[in-house]
Amino acid sequence: MAAEVLLESQLRLVFDMGLDEKGKQIFKRKNYNNIKTSTTADQLLQAAQAIGSLQTETLAFVERNDTNQITE
């Protein structure tokens, strides 16, 4: 049976940059690496909101990107 091991996590903040000339939504992403793998979703959201409050752009959404290793 295969096993999955969480190797690392990344926090991504996505900011709303408005609309382009064709009316399409523009987003800007900022990545934060070396996030503890044990960090909960609530803790990440709290940190993202704190960081987002320091920015001039509006925080659109928050993503967590995990890297996993699958072994036998």
Protein backbone atom coordinates (compact mmCIF):
# COMPACT_ATOMS: atom_id res chain seq x y z
CA MET A 1 0.00 0.00 0.00
CA ALA A 2 1.29 3.46 -0.90
CA ALA A 3 2.13 6.00 1.78
CA GLU A 4 2.16 9.78 1.49
CA VAL A 5 4.66 11.96 3.35
CA LEU A 6 4.26 15.74 3.54
CA LEU A 7 7.64 17.27 2.71
CA GLU A 8 7.02 21.03 2.62
CA SER A 9 4.33 23.71 2.50
CA GLN A 10 4.09 27.08 0.80
CA LEU A 11 1.72 29.95 1.58
CA ARG A 12 0.45 31.94 -1.41
CA LEU A 13 -1.36 35.24 -1.09
CA VAL A 14 -3.35 36.33 -4.14
CA PHE A 15 -4.11 40.03 -4.47
CA ASP A 16 -6.77 41.71 -6.59
CA MET A 17 -5.09 44.16 -8.96
CA GLY A 18 -8.27 45.31 -10.73
CA LEU A 19 -9.24 44.82 -14.35
CA ASP A 20 -7.22 44.98 -17.55
CA GLU A 21 -8.30 46.91 -20.67
CA LYS A 22 -10.49 43.96 -21.76
CA GLY A 23 -12.26 43.75 -18.41
CA LYS A 24 -10.43 40.60 -17.30
CA GLN A 25 -9.51 40.27 -13.61
CA ILE A 26 -5.80 40.71 -12.79
CA PHE A 27 -4.22 38.91 -9.85
CA LYS A 28 -0.77 39.24 -8.28
CA ARG A 29 0.65 36.36 -6.26
CA LYS A 30 3.18 36.44 -3.42
CA ASN A 31 4.66 33.17 -2.20
CA TYR A 32 6.08 32.44 1.23
CA ASN A 33 8.20 29.29 1.48
CA ASN A 34 9.35 27.16 4.40
CA ILE A 35 5.97 27.10 6.12
CA LYS A 36 5.85 24.52 8.92
CA THR A 37 4.03 21.44 7.69
CA SER A 38 2.18 21.23 11.00
CA THR A 39 0.59 24.68 10.54
CA THR A 40 -3.20 24.56 10.49
CA ALA A 41 -5.45 26.25 7.94
CA ASP A 42 -6.67 28.67 10.63
CA GLN A 43 -3.11 29.67 11.48
CA LEU A 44 -2.26 30.22 7.82
CA LEU A 45 -5.37 32.33 7.28
CA GLN A 46 -4.57 34.43 10.34
CA ALA A 47 -1.00 35.03 9.11
CA ALA A 48 -2.22 35.79 5.58
CA GLN A 49 -4.73 38.35 6.86
CA ALA A 50 -2.03 40.02 8.95
CA ILE A 51 0.33 40.22 5.96
CA GLY A 52 -2.51 41.31 3.67
CA SER A 53 -3.43 44.19 5.99
CA LEU A 54 0.04 45.64 5.42
CA GLN A 55 -0.36 45.67 1.63
CA THR A 56 -1.91 48.36 -0.56
CA GLU A 57 -3.70 45.77 -2.72
CA THR A 58 -6.79 43.85 -1.59
CA LEU A 59 -6.26 40.24 -0.56
CA ALA A 60 -8.46 38.14 -2.87
CA PHE A 61 -7.73 34.67 -1.52
CA VAL A 62 -5.17 32.48 0.22
CA GLU A 63 -3.69 29.21 -1.04
CA ARG A 64 -1.61 26.50 0.56
CA ASN A 65 0.62 24.44 -1.70
CA ASP A 66 1.94 21.20 -0.25
CA THR A 67 4.65 18.97 -1.66
CA ASN A 68 4.16 15.31 -0.89
CA GLN A 69 6.27 12.23 -1.52
CA ILE A 70 4.51 8.99 -2.31
CA THR A 71 6.31 5.80 -1.38
CA GLU A 72 5.52 2.12 -1.36
